[in-house]
Amino acid sequence: MTAKTVFYASTGPQLTLFDVDVTAAALEKRSTIVLPAKVQYAWPHPSKRYLYAVSSDGGPGLPGTMHRANAFRIDPLSGSLQPHGQPQSLPSRPIHASVDASGEYLLTAYNAPSSVSVYRLNADGSIGETVRQADKLDVGIYAHQIRTTPDNDAAILVTRGNNAAEGKSEDPGALKLFAFKHGALSNLASIAPASGLGFGPRHLDFHPSAPWVYVSVERQNKLYTYKLQSDGVLGRDPLFVKDTLADPVNVKPGQGAGAIHVHPNGRFVYLTNRNQDEVDFQGRKVFNDGENNVAVFAIDEKTGEPNLIQTVKGHGIQLRTFGIDATGRLLLAASIKPLLVREGSAVKTLTAGITAYRIDADGTLTFVRKYDVDTGKGQQFWSGMVALA
């Protein structure tokens, strides 16, 4: 019997639980909890009994003053969340968090300044003390994700860097690799093509059975494929580099690649293309008609090469996060905010929402429906699918 799957989505400090009907590609809203500050990211424990959410009153360009790591018990029947233990204070605005494969550590990435922290998880799932790290960890510029490798012996900090702007030169991006033992990180390698210039990675995901790592390269709208070596280090050079956009020639300002997930069967990889830039139209600011879609790549089972087979309309602005259910039949994507868009000579509001797609046998997506989301309490910044215990 397949475990029940639920979907969580945040708007500002609110975190809402939805029941998921995978067959019907449908959601039903169940309950909402409120965190101390805006939800930035969340990650389930390997046991599926706990969910960890990092929150902050900061945001892009806003440092904030309240930053927390929060633990919740997950009801195994309903998916409802109950606070578990005391929230832990974090040093700055967290941008990503994940739990290692052993379920013993919570890793958190921060982008301004770029850094990483590790907290022990107590036997009861509550968040414990921080693990002291080496003084000179190579944490790059503008970290955006931290993941441990499948064997749990290494961790990868994805550091995006920044585009050149207002007389400031480009900040290079890189994948920072660390050995990981008993919660302690130590420098292993830095993967940065061309010294990281023209390389702005955002997120990565691991193939479920082969040694391939797929990297969403935000600033260049690319998908990089690397080989994960037995020592936990990535090969210096990517195996493959692919465009993610439907039209990679006529790229609109503000275009970037987003979240990435490999299908549970390892045959496909999904990545979002995002844009929220505006232009003047009839005296109003409206969306610039960039790409907000989900790119679908088929993975060659022998080489790991991803080949673009579809880009499907996102029906929203900035698909920042998405999730795939454990059976691989449903994809839910969350757009972060409403925006004015042109429709011929008219202007209308494109709402924020949750877009549901059926995943077909060939990996392609079929749009089923969109649920509008009220973002009056804040942007829909994180969402995710969790299979219950």
Protein backbone atom coordinates (compact mmCIF):
# COMPACT_ATOMS: atom_id res chain seq x y z
CA MET A 1 0.00 0.00 0.00
CA THR A 2 1.37 3.41 -1.01
CA ALA A 3 1.76 5.91 1.84
CA LYS A 4 -0.46 8.97 1.80
CA THR A 5 1.11 12.08 0.30
CA VAL A 6 0.45 15.62 1.53
CA PHE A 7 1.50 19.01 0.20
CA TYR A 8 2.67 21.96 2.26
CA ALA A 9 2.84 25.53 0.96
CA SER A 10 3.82 28.75 2.69
CA THR A 11 2.60 32.34 2.33
CA GLY A 12 4.69 34.62 4.51
CA PRO A 13 4.76 33.06 8.02
CA GLN A 14 1.81 30.77 7.30
CA LEU A 15 2.35 27.11 6.42
CA THR A 16 -0.71 25.35 4.98
CA LEU A 17 -1.40 21.62 4.71
CA PHE A 18 -3.23 20.20 1.69
CA ASP A 19 -4.51 16.68 1.16
CA VAL A 20 -3.42 15.30 -2.20
CA ASP A 21 -5.48 13.11 -4.52
CA VAL A 22 -2.77 11.89 -6.87
CA THR A 23 -5.14 10.15 -9.27
CA ALA A 24 -7.37 13.20 -9.69
CA ALA A 25 -4.44 15.65 -9.50
CA ALA A 26 -6.44 17.54 -6.88
CA LEU A 27 -5.79 19.34 -3.59
CA GLU A 28 -7.95 19.96 -0.53
CA LYS A 29 -6.91 22.57 2.03
CA ARG A 30 -6.84 21.18 5.58
CA SER A 31 -5.10 23.42 8.12
CA THR A 32 -2.65 26.28 8.60
CA ILE A 33 -0.04 27.01 11.25
CA VAL A 34 1.84 30.28 11.79
CA LEU A 35 5.62 30.42 12.31
CA PRO A 36 7.56 33.16 14.14
CA ALA A 37 8.56 34.71 10.79
CA LYS A 38 8.28 34.12 7.03
CA VAL A 39 8.95 30.57 5.89
CA GLN A 40 12.12 30.38 3.79
CA TYR A 41 12.48 26.62 3.26
CA ALA A 42 11.47 23.28 4.79
CA TRP A 43 12.67 19.68 4.74
CA PRO A 44 11.23 16.40 6.10
CA HIS A 45 13.16 14.02 8.36
CA PRO A 46 14.05 10.67 6.70
CA SER A 47 11.67 8.97 9.17
CA LYS A 48 8.86 11.23 7.84
CA ARG A 49 7.89 11.92 11.45
CA TYR A 50 9.22 15.49 11.58
CA LEU A 51 9.36 18.57 9.36
CA TYR A 52 12.00 21.27 9.79
CA ALA A 53 11.24 24.79 8.58
CA VAL A 54 13.60 27.76 8.64
CA SER A 55 12.03 31.20 8.89
CA SER A 56 13.13 34.84 8.86
CA ASP A 57 11.71 38.37 8.87
CA GLY A 58 14.33 39.19 6.24
CA GLY A 59 14.11 38.67 2.51
CA PRO A 60 15.96 39.39 -0.73
CA GLY A 61 17.99 42.50 0.04
CA LEU A 62 16.56 42.71 3.58
CA PRO A 63 18.76 41.24 6.36
CA GLY A 64 16.04 41.05 9.02
CA THR A 65 16.52 40.53 12.76
CA MET A 66 14.60 37.30 13.56
CA HIS A 67 15.88 34.02 12.12
CA ARG A 68 14.71 30.64 13.39
CA ALA A 69 14.93 26.90 12.78
CA ASN A 70 11.63 25.25 13.73
CA ALA A 71 10.78 21.58 14.25
CA PHE A 72 7.31 20.08 13.86
CA ARG A 73 5.85 16.64 14.50
CA ILE A 74 3.99 15.28 11.47
CA ASP A 75 0.77 13.41 12.25
CA PRO A 76 1.22 10.11 10.33
CA LEU A 77 -2.45 9.91 9.38
CA SER A 78 -3.32 13.50 8.46
CA GLY A 79 -0.01 15.30 7.95
CA SER A 80 -1.00 18.02 10.42
CA LEU A 81 1.92 19.77 12.13
CA GLN A 82 2.56 20.37 15.83
CA PRO A 83 5.51 22.43 17.18
CA HIS A 84 8.20 20.16 18.56
CA GLY A 85 10.80 21.49 20.98
CA GLN A 86 12.08 25.05 21.07
CA PRO A 87 12.91 26.97 17.88
CA GLN A 88 16.64 27.62 17.53
CA SER A 89 18.01 31.07 16.69
CA LEU A 90 20.01 31.28 13.47
CA PRO A 91 22.77 33.79 12.72
CA SER A 92 21.19 35.39 9.64
CA ARG A 93 18.44 34.88 7.09
CA PRO A 94 18.39 31.18 6.07
CA ILE A 95 17.82 30.47 2.39
CA HIS A 96 17.79 26.64 2.43
CA ALA A 97 17.81 23.75 4.87
CA SER A 98 18.05 19.98 4.57
CA VAL A 99 18.48 16.91 6.77
CA ASP A 100 21.32 14.44 6.21
CA ALA A 101 20.59 10.82 5.30
CA SER A 102 21.19 9.60 8.86
CA GLY A 103 18.54 11.98 10.21
CA GLU A 104 21.00 13.24 12.83
CA TYR A 105 21.78 16.73 11.49
CA LEU A 106 19.99 19.78 10.13
CA LEU A 107 22.12 21.71 7.63
CA THR A 108 21.24 25.32 6.80
CA ALA A 109 22.60 27.65 4.10
CA TYR A 110 22.70 31.46 4.30
CA ASN A 111 23.39 33.75 1.37
CA ALA A 112 24.19 37.19 2.80
CA PRO A 113 26.81 36.64 4.05
CA SER A 114 27.37 33.25 2.46
CA SER A 115 27.72 30.58 5.14
CA VAL A 116 26.49 27.23 6.42
CA SER A 117 25.60 25.82 9.83
CA VAL A 118 24.88 22.32 11.16
CA TYR A 119 22.63 21.53 14.14
CA ARG A 120 22.39 18.17 15.87
CA LEU A 121 18.96 16.59 15.90
CA ASN A 122 18.07 14.97 19.20
CA ALA A 123 16.82 11.38 19.40
CA ASP A 124 13.26 12.67 19.74
CA GLY A 125 13.58 14.75 16.54
CA SER A 126 13.88 18.14 18.24
CA ILE A 127 16.66 20.53 17.23
CA GLY A 128 19.73 20.38 19.45
CA GLU A 129 22.98 22.29 19.66
CA THR A 130 25.05 23.61 16.82
CA VAL A 131 28.08 21.64 15.61
CA ARG A 132 31.29 23.68 15.71
CA GLN A 133 32.80 24.04 12.25
CA ALA A 134 36.30 24.79 11.01
CA ASP A 135 37.22 28.47 10.99
CA LYS A 136 38.06 28.64 7.29
CA LEU A 137 35.33 26.80 5.40
CA ASP A 138 35.24 27.79 1.74
CA VAL A 139 31.61 28.97 1.55
CA GLY A 140 31.78 30.94 -1.71
CA ILE A 141 29.52 33.87 -2.57
CA TYR A 142 25.73 33.91 -2.10
CA ALA A 143 24.97 30.32 -1.10
CA HIS A 144 21.56 28.99 -2.13
CA GLN A 145 21.38 25.30 -1.18
CA ILE A 146 23.09 22.71 1.03
CA ARG A 147 22.71 18.95 0.41
CA THR A 148 24.52 15.88 1.64
CA THR A 149 25.46 13.30 -0.98
CA PRO A 150 23.58 9.98 -1.13
CA ASP A 151 26.34 8.13 0.79
CA ASN A 152 26.24 10.89 3.45
CA ASP A 153 30.04 11.25 3.45
CA ALA A 154 30.08 14.65 1.74
CA ALA A 155 28.02 17.81 1.44
CA ILE A 156 27.62 20.25 -1.44
CA LEU A 157 26.98 23.95 -0.88
CA VAL A 158 25.59 25.54 -4.04
CA THR A 159 26.82 29.14 -4.24
CA ARG A 160 25.17 31.25 -6.92
CA GLY A 161 27.39 34.32 -7.09
CA ASN A 162 25.82 37.49 -8.53
CA ASN A 163 25.55 39.21 -11.86
CA ALA A 164 27.49 42.41 -12.49
CA ALA A 165 25.36 45.45 -11.62
CA GLU A 166 25.68 49.21 -11.08
CA GLY A 167 29.40 49.36 -11.64
CA LYS A 168 30.05 46.23 -9.55
CA SER A 169 31.80 43.34 -11.23
CA GLU A 170 30.32 39.83 -11.33
CA ASP A 171 30.61 37.62 -8.26
CA PRO A 172 31.61 34.09 -9.37
CA GLY A 173 29.50 31.06 -8.55
CA ALA A 174 30.68 27.60 -7.52
CA LEU A 175 29.79 24.23 -6.06
CA LYS A 176 31.62 23.97 -2.74
CA LEU A 177 32.30 20.37 -1.69
CA PHE A 178 32.97 19.32 1.90
CA ALA A 179 33.74 16.09 3.64
CA PHE A 180 30.97 15.42 6.19
CA LYS A 181 31.57 13.40 9.36
CA HIS A 182 29.70 13.57 12.67
CA GLY A 183 28.19 16.87 11.57
CA ALA A 184 31.56 18.49 10.87
CA LEU A 185 32.41 19.92 7.46
CA SER A 186 35.91 20.14 5.97
CA ASN A 187 36.95 21.57 2.61
CA LEU A 188 37.25 19.06 -0.23
CA ALA A 189 37.02 20.94 -3.52
CA SER A 190 35.51 23.88 -5.38
CA ILE A 191 33.90 23.23 -8.75
CA ALA A 192 33.81 26.49 -10.68
CA PRO A 193 34.07 26.42 -14.49
CA ALA A 194 36.06 29.41 -15.78
CA SER A 195 36.79 30.34 -12.15
CA GLY A 196 33.03 30.70 -11.61
CA LEU A 197 32.47 33.60 -13.99
CA GLY A 198 29.42 32.91 -16.14
CA PHE A 199 28.40 30.12 -13.74
CA GLY A 200 25.58 30.88 -11.31
CA PRO A 201 24.19 27.61 -9.87
CA ARG A 202 21.07 27.64 -7.68
CA HIS A 203 19.98 24.08 -6.77
CA LEU A 204 20.99 20.51 -7.53
CA ASP A 205 19.48 17.05 -7.26
CA PHE A 206 20.89 13.53 -7.31
CA HIS A 207 19.94 10.67 -9.59
CA PRO A 208 18.32 7.93 -7.45
CA SER A 209 20.58 5.09 -8.64
CA ALA A 210 23.39 6.40 -10.91
CA PRO A 211 26.30 8.72 -9.95
CA TRP A 212 24.86 11.74 -11.76
CA VAL A 213 24.19 15.17 -10.27
CA TYR A 214 21.91 17.64 -12.07
CA VAL A 215 22.53 21.33 -11.38
CA SER A 216 20.12 24.17 -12.14
CA VAL A 217 22.28 27.12 -13.21
CA GLU A 218 20.12 30.14 -12.46
CA ARG A 219 22.04 33.06 -13.88
CA GLN A 220 22.77 31.43 -17.26
CA ASN A 221 19.54 29.41 -17.72
CA LYS A 222 21.45 26.15 -18.04
CA LEU A 223 21.29 22.56 -16.78
CA TYR A 224 24.69 21.08 -15.92
CA THR A 225 25.27 17.37 -15.40
CA TYR A 226 28.19 16.20 -13.26
CA LYS A 227 29.49 12.79 -12.28
CA LEU A 228 29.68 12.13 -8.54
CA GLN A 229 32.90 10.26 -7.78
CA SER A 230 33.38 7.66 -5.06
CA ASP A 231 35.28 10.11 -2.83
CA GLY A 232 32.30 12.50 -2.80
CA VAL A 233 33.89 14.96 -5.21
CA LEU A 234 32.33 15.96 -8.52
CA GLY A 235 34.25 15.66 -11.76
CA ARG A 236 35.89 18.99 -12.57
CA ASP A 237 34.16 19.29 -15.93
CA PRO A 238 30.42 18.79 -16.53
CA LEU A 239 29.38 15.79 -18.57
CA PHE A 240 26.69 17.84 -20.33
CA VAL A 241 25.48 21.45 -20.49
CA LYS A 242 21.96 22.13 -21.76
CA ASP A 243 19.74 25.18 -22.30
CA THR A 244 16.62 25.22 -20.12
CA LEU A 245 14.53 27.81 -21.97
CA ALA A 246 12.01 27.22 -24.74
CA ASP A 247 13.63 30.17 -26.55
CA PRO A 248 17.27 30.43 -25.44
CA VAL A 249 18.02 33.04 -28.12
CA ASN A 250 15.58 35.81 -27.20
CA VAL A 251 16.08 35.87 -23.44
CA LYS A 252 14.13 38.49 -21.49
CA PRO A 253 15.78 40.53 -18.70
CA GLY A 254 15.41 38.92 -15.29
CA GLN A 255 15.25 35.37 -16.62
CA GLY A 256 16.60 32.63 -14.36
CA ALA A 257 16.45 28.90 -13.75
CA GLY A 258 14.86 27.69 -10.51
CA ALA A 259 14.21 24.53 -8.53
CA ILE A 260 15.17 21.11 -9.87
CA HIS A 261 14.02 17.56 -9.07
CA VAL A 262 14.83 14.20 -10.60
CA HIS A 263 11.83 11.90 -11.12
CA PRO A 264 11.72 8.98 -8.63
CA ASN A 265 12.29 6.52 -11.49
CA GLY A 266 15.46 8.33 -12.61
CA ARG A 267 14.30 8.69 -16.21
CA PHE A 268 13.45 12.41 -16.16
CA VAL A 269 14.55 15.65 -14.58
CA TYR A 270 12.33 18.70 -14.09
CA LEU A 271 13.44 22.32 -13.70
CA THR A 272 11.56 25.61 -13.52
CA ASN A 273 12.28 28.72 -15.56
CA ARG A 274 11.36 31.93 -13.71
CA ASN A 275 10.86 35.59 -14.46
CA GLN A 276 9.11 38.48 -12.70
CA ASP A 277 10.63 41.52 -14.41
CA GLU A 278 8.32 44.29 -15.56
CA VAL A 279 8.06 46.78 -18.45
CA ASP A 280 6.01 49.94 -18.96
CA PHE A 281 2.72 49.47 -20.78
CA GLN A 282 0.06 52.17 -21.07
CA GLY A 283 1.48 53.94 -18.03
CA ARG A 284 1.55 50.81 -15.87
CA LYS A 285 4.16 48.25 -14.87
CA VAL A 286 3.34 44.86 -16.36
CA PHE A 287 5.14 41.53 -16.73
CA ASN A 288 7.79 41.47 -19.47
CA ASP A 289 6.48 38.17 -20.95
CA GLY A 290 9.54 36.18 -19.98
CA GLU A 291 9.39 32.41 -19.43
CA ASN A 292 7.60 30.98 -16.40
CA ASN A 293 7.38 27.29 -17.17
CA VAL A 294 8.51 23.80 -16.24
CA ALA A 295 11.22 22.29 -18.43
CA VAL A 296 11.16 18.50 -18.82
CA PHE A 297 14.30 16.56 -19.72
CA ALA A 298 14.54 12.87 -20.57
CA ILE A 299 17.65 11.22 -19.10
CA ASP A 300 19.69 8.79 -21.21
CA GLU A 301 19.91 5.69 -19.02
CA LYS A 302 23.45 4.84 -20.20
CA THR A 303 25.17 8.24 -20.25
CA GLY A 304 23.02 10.39 -17.97
CA GLU A 305 22.57 12.98 -20.70
CA PRO A 306 19.41 15.07 -20.24
CA ASN A 307 17.55 16.10 -23.38
CA LEU A 308 14.80 18.72 -23.37
CA ILE A 309 11.48 17.19 -24.45
CA GLN A 310 8.97 19.79 -23.23
CA THR A 311 8.45 23.20 -21.66
CA VAL A 312 4.97 23.56 -20.21
CA LYS A 313 3.29 26.83 -19.23
CA GLY A 314 3.43 27.62 -15.52
CA HIS A 315 0.19 29.65 -15.24
CA GLY A 316 1.90 31.89 -12.67
CA ILE A 317 4.78 34.26 -11.94
CA GLN A 318 8.03 32.84 -10.53
CA LEU A 319 7.63 29.09 -10.02
CA ARG A 320 10.04 29.15 -7.08
CA THR A 321 9.37 25.63 -5.75
CA PHE A 322 7.64 22.44 -6.83
CA GLY A 323 7.23 18.85 -5.72
CA ILE A 324 6.71 15.40 -7.22
CA ASP A 325 4.74 12.72 -5.37
CA ALA A 326 6.51 9.49 -4.41
CA THR A 327 4.73 7.51 -7.14
CA GLY A 328 5.94 9.95 -9.80
CA ARG A 329 2.46 10.67 -11.19
CA LEU A 330 1.84 14.24 -10.02
CA LEU A 331 3.83 17.49 -10.07
CA LEU A 332 2.68 20.55 -8.10
CA ALA A 333 4.35 23.92 -8.75
CA ALA A 334 3.91 27.07 -6.64
CA SER A 335 4.18 30.61 -8.03
CA ILE A 336 5.20 33.28 -5.54
CA LYS A 337 3.09 36.37 -6.22
CA PRO A 338 0.46 38.02 -8.46
CA LEU A 339 1.50 40.39 -11.25
CA LEU A 340 -0.14 42.49 -13.94
CA VAL A 341 0.16 40.91 -17.40
CA ARG A 342 -0.78 42.00 -20.89
CA GLU A 343 -3.56 40.23 -22.74
CA GLY A 344 -3.71 41.90 -26.12
CA SER A 345 -4.40 45.58 -25.43
CA ALA A 346 -5.87 44.79 -22.00
CA VAL A 347 -4.15 44.34 -18.65
CA LYS A 348 -5.19 41.74 -16.07
CA THR A 349 -3.81 40.28 -12.85
CA LEU A 350 -2.23 36.86 -13.04
CA THR A 351 -2.75 35.41 -9.57
CA ALA A 352 -0.27 33.47 -7.50
CA GLY A 353 -1.23 29.85 -7.20
CA ILE A 354 -0.49 26.14 -7.15
CA THR A 355 -0.43 24.52 -10.58
CA ALA A 356 -1.16 20.80 -10.86
CA TYR A 357 0.24 18.65 -13.67
CA ARG A 358 -0.23 14.98 -14.38
CA ILE A 359 3.07 13.24 -15.17
CA ASP A 360 2.56 10.98 -18.16
CA ALA A 361 4.41 7.72 -18.82
CA ASP A 362 6.84 9.46 -21.19
CA GLY A 363 7.68 12.05 -18.50
CA THR A 364 5.82 14.92 -20.12
CA LEU A 365 3.42 17.06 -18.13
CA THR A 366 -0.27 17.63 -18.74
CA PHE A 367 -1.82 20.69 -17.08
CA VAL A 368 -4.84 19.76 -14.98
CA ARG A 369 -5.78 22.82 -12.90
CA LYS A 370 -4.57 25.85 -11.00
CA TYR A 371 -5.55 26.81 -7.46
CA ASP A 372 -5.42 30.55 -6.79
CA VAL A 373 -3.54 31.51 -3.61
CA ASP A 374 -4.04 34.68 -1.59
CA THR A 375 -0.59 36.16 -0.95
CA GLY A 376 -1.82 38.99 1.27
CA LYS A 377 0.19 37.48 4.16
CA GLY A 378 3.35 37.27 2.06
CA GLN A 379 4.82 35.60 -0.99
CA GLN A 380 4.32 31.88 -1.57
CA PHE A 381 8.00 31.27 -0.96
CA TRP A 382 8.21 27.51 -0.31
CA SER A 383 6.18 24.41 -1.11
CA GLY A 384 6.85 20.69 -0.99
CA MET A 385 5.41 17.21 -1.20
CA VAL A 386 5.82 14.79 1.74
CA ALA A 387 4.89 11.10 1.87
CA LEU A 388 3.63 10.24 5.35
CA ALA A 389 5.09 7.47 7.50
